[in-house]
Amino acid sequence: VIDTHHDHRVAMAFSVLSVVADGMVIQNADVVSKSWPKFYAEMSSILGPMAQEN
C-alpha cells in the first residue's frame, strides 16, 4: 500500500511502477488530476485497462 500523502508526483511515479509490480495499491491516486487530469485515461489507452484504488 502506497500512501501518496496527496502528492500527484508520487501517485504518478508509483502508478507507472505498478505496471510491473503486481498487487500495488495506491491511496488517493486521483490526486494526479492536479497536474494531469487524463493521466489514467492516457495510461489505459497505452497499456489497457488498469484498476484504480482511491
N, C-alpha and C. Protein backbone atom coordinates (compact mmCIF):
# COMPACT_ATOMS: atom_id res chain seq x y z
N VAL A 1 0.86 -1.17 0.00
CA VAL A 1 0.00 0.00 0.00
C VAL A 1 0.90 1.23 0.00
N ILE A 2 0.67 2.10 -0.96
CA ILE A 2 1.45 3.32 -1.10
C ILE A 2 0.59 4.50 -0.68
N ASP A 3 1.07 5.27 0.28
CA ASP A 3 0.39 6.50 0.69
C ASP A 3 1.04 7.65 -0.06
N THR A 4 0.29 8.29 -0.91
CA THR A 4 0.83 9.38 -1.73
C THR A 4 1.01 10.68 -0.95
N HIS A 5 0.42 10.75 0.23
CA HIS A 5 0.42 11.99 1.02
C HIS A 5 -0.14 13.15 0.17
N HIS A 6 -1.08 12.79 -0.72
CA HIS A 6 -1.74 13.75 -1.61
C HIS A 6 -0.77 14.48 -2.53
N ASP A 7 0.32 13.79 -2.90
CA ASP A 7 1.32 14.35 -3.82
C ASP A 7 1.13 13.69 -5.19
N HIS A 8 0.75 14.48 -6.17
CA HIS A 8 0.47 13.96 -7.50
C HIS A 8 1.68 13.31 -8.14
N ARG A 9 2.86 13.79 -7.83
CA ARG A 9 4.09 13.21 -8.40
C ARG A 9 4.33 11.80 -7.88
N VAL A 10 4.07 11.59 -6.60
CA VAL A 10 4.22 10.26 -6.01
C VAL A 10 3.21 9.31 -6.63
N ALA A 11 1.97 9.77 -6.77
CA ALA A 11 0.92 8.93 -7.35
C ALA A 11 1.27 8.53 -8.78
N MET A 12 1.78 9.46 -9.57
CA MET A 12 2.14 9.15 -10.95
C MET A 12 3.31 8.18 -11.01
N ALA A 13 4.32 8.42 -10.22
CA ALA A 13 5.50 7.56 -10.23
C ALA A 13 5.14 6.12 -9.87
N PHE A 14 4.37 5.95 -8.80
CA PHE A 14 4.00 4.60 -8.39
C PHE A 14 2.97 3.98 -9.31
N SER A 15 2.19 4.78 -9.99
CA SER A 15 1.26 4.24 -10.99
C SER A 15 2.03 3.60 -12.14
N VAL A 16 3.09 4.26 -12.56
CA VAL A 16 3.93 3.69 -13.61
C VAL A 16 4.62 2.43 -13.10
N LEU A 17 5.14 2.46 -11.89
CA LEU A 17 5.79 1.29 -11.30
C LEU A 17 4.82 0.12 -11.16
N SER A 18 3.57 0.41 -10.88
CA SER A 18 2.58 -0.66 -10.68
C SER A 18 2.35 -1.50 -11.93
N VAL A 19 2.80 -1.01 -13.07
CA VAL A 19 2.68 -1.79 -14.31
C VAL A 19 3.48 -3.09 -14.19
N VAL A 20 4.60 -3.06 -13.49
CA VAL A 20 5.45 -4.25 -13.34
C VAL A 20 5.43 -4.83 -11.93
N ALA A 21 4.80 -4.15 -10.98
CA ALA A 21 4.74 -4.62 -9.59
C ALA A 21 3.30 -4.98 -9.26
N ASP A 22 2.98 -6.26 -9.32
CA ASP A 22 1.62 -6.73 -9.06
C ASP A 22 1.18 -6.46 -7.63
N GLY A 23 -0.10 -6.19 -7.47
CA GLY A 23 -0.71 -6.06 -6.15
C GLY A 23 -0.51 -4.72 -5.47
N MET A 24 0.03 -3.75 -6.16
CA MET A 24 0.27 -2.45 -5.55
C MET A 24 -1.05 -1.69 -5.41
N VAL A 25 -1.27 -1.10 -4.25
CA VAL A 25 -2.45 -0.27 -4.00
C VAL A 25 -1.95 1.14 -3.73
N ILE A 26 -2.48 2.09 -4.46
CA ILE A 26 -2.06 3.49 -4.33
C ILE A 26 -3.23 4.27 -3.75
N GLN A 27 -3.03 4.78 -2.54
CA GLN A 27 -4.08 5.56 -1.89
C GLN A 27 -4.11 6.97 -2.47
N ASN A 28 -5.30 7.51 -2.60
CA ASN A 28 -5.50 8.87 -3.13
C ASN A 28 -4.91 9.04 -4.52
N ALA A 29 -5.04 8.01 -5.34
CA ALA A 29 -4.48 8.03 -6.69
C ALA A 29 -5.08 9.14 -7.55
N ASP A 30 -6.28 9.56 -7.23
CA ASP A 30 -6.94 10.60 -8.03
C ASP A 30 -6.29 11.97 -7.88
N VAL A 31 -5.32 12.10 -7.00
CA VAL A 31 -4.63 13.37 -6.81
C VAL A 31 -3.87 13.80 -8.07
N VAL A 32 -3.62 12.86 -8.99
CA VAL A 32 -2.93 13.20 -10.24
C VAL A 32 -3.70 14.23 -11.06
N SER A 33 -4.98 14.36 -10.80
CA SER A 33 -5.79 15.33 -11.56
C SER A 33 -5.33 16.77 -11.35
N LYS A 34 -4.52 17.01 -10.31
CA LYS A 34 -3.95 18.34 -10.08
C LYS A 34 -3.14 18.81 -11.28
N SER A 35 -2.34 17.92 -11.83
CA SER A 35 -1.44 18.32 -12.91
C SER A 35 -1.75 17.66 -14.25
N TRP A 36 -2.43 16.50 -14.23
CA TRP A 36 -2.70 15.78 -15.47
C TRP A 36 -4.03 15.04 -15.33
N PRO A 37 -5.13 15.74 -15.53
CA PRO A 37 -6.46 15.15 -15.30
C PRO A 37 -6.72 13.86 -16.07
N LYS A 38 -6.13 13.69 -17.22
CA LYS A 38 -6.38 12.50 -18.04
C LYS A 38 -5.25 11.46 -17.93
N PHE A 39 -4.46 11.54 -16.89
CA PHE A 39 -3.31 10.63 -16.71
C PHE A 39 -3.71 9.17 -16.83
N TYR A 40 -4.71 8.74 -16.06
CA TYR A 40 -5.09 7.32 -16.07
C TYR A 40 -5.76 6.92 -17.38
N ALA A 41 -6.52 7.81 -17.97
CA ALA A 41 -7.13 7.51 -19.27
C ALA A 41 -6.06 7.32 -20.33
N GLU A 42 -5.05 8.16 -20.30
CA GLU A 42 -3.98 8.04 -21.29
C GLU A 42 -3.12 6.81 -21.04
N MET A 43 -2.85 6.49 -19.78
CA MET A 43 -2.12 5.25 -19.48
C MET A 43 -2.91 4.04 -19.94
N SER A 44 -4.21 4.06 -19.70
CA SER A 44 -5.06 2.94 -20.11
C SER A 44 -5.10 2.78 -21.62
N SER A 45 -5.05 3.89 -22.34
CA SER A 45 -5.07 3.80 -23.80
C SER A 45 -3.78 3.17 -24.33
N ILE A 46 -2.71 3.29 -23.58
CA ILE A 46 -1.43 2.70 -23.97
C ILE A 46 -1.31 1.26 -23.47
N LEU A 47 -1.67 1.04 -22.21
CA LEU A 47 -1.42 -0.25 -21.55
C LEU A 47 -2.63 -1.14 -21.41
N GLY A 48 -3.81 -0.62 -21.68
CA GLY A 48 -5.04 -1.37 -21.44
C GLY A 48 -5.62 -0.96 -20.09
N PRO A 49 -6.78 -1.49 -19.75
CA PRO A 49 -7.46 -1.09 -18.51
C PRO A 49 -6.62 -1.37 -17.26
N MET A 50 -6.67 -0.45 -16.32
CA MET A 50 -5.98 -0.61 -15.04
C MET A 50 -6.99 -0.38 -13.93
N ALA A 51 -6.77 -1.04 -12.81
CA ALA A 51 -7.62 -0.80 -11.64
C ALA A 51 -7.10 0.43 -10.93
N GLN A 52 -7.99 1.27 -10.46
CA GLN A 52 -7.59 2.47 -9.73
C GLN A 52 -8.15 2.37 -8.33
N GLU A 53 -7.30 2.54 -7.35
CA GLU A 53 -7.69 2.46 -5.94
C GLU A 53 -7.60 3.86 -5.35
N ASN A 54 -8.65 4.32 -4.70
CA ASN A 54 -8.62 5.65 -4.08
C ASN A 54 -8.56 5.52 -2.59
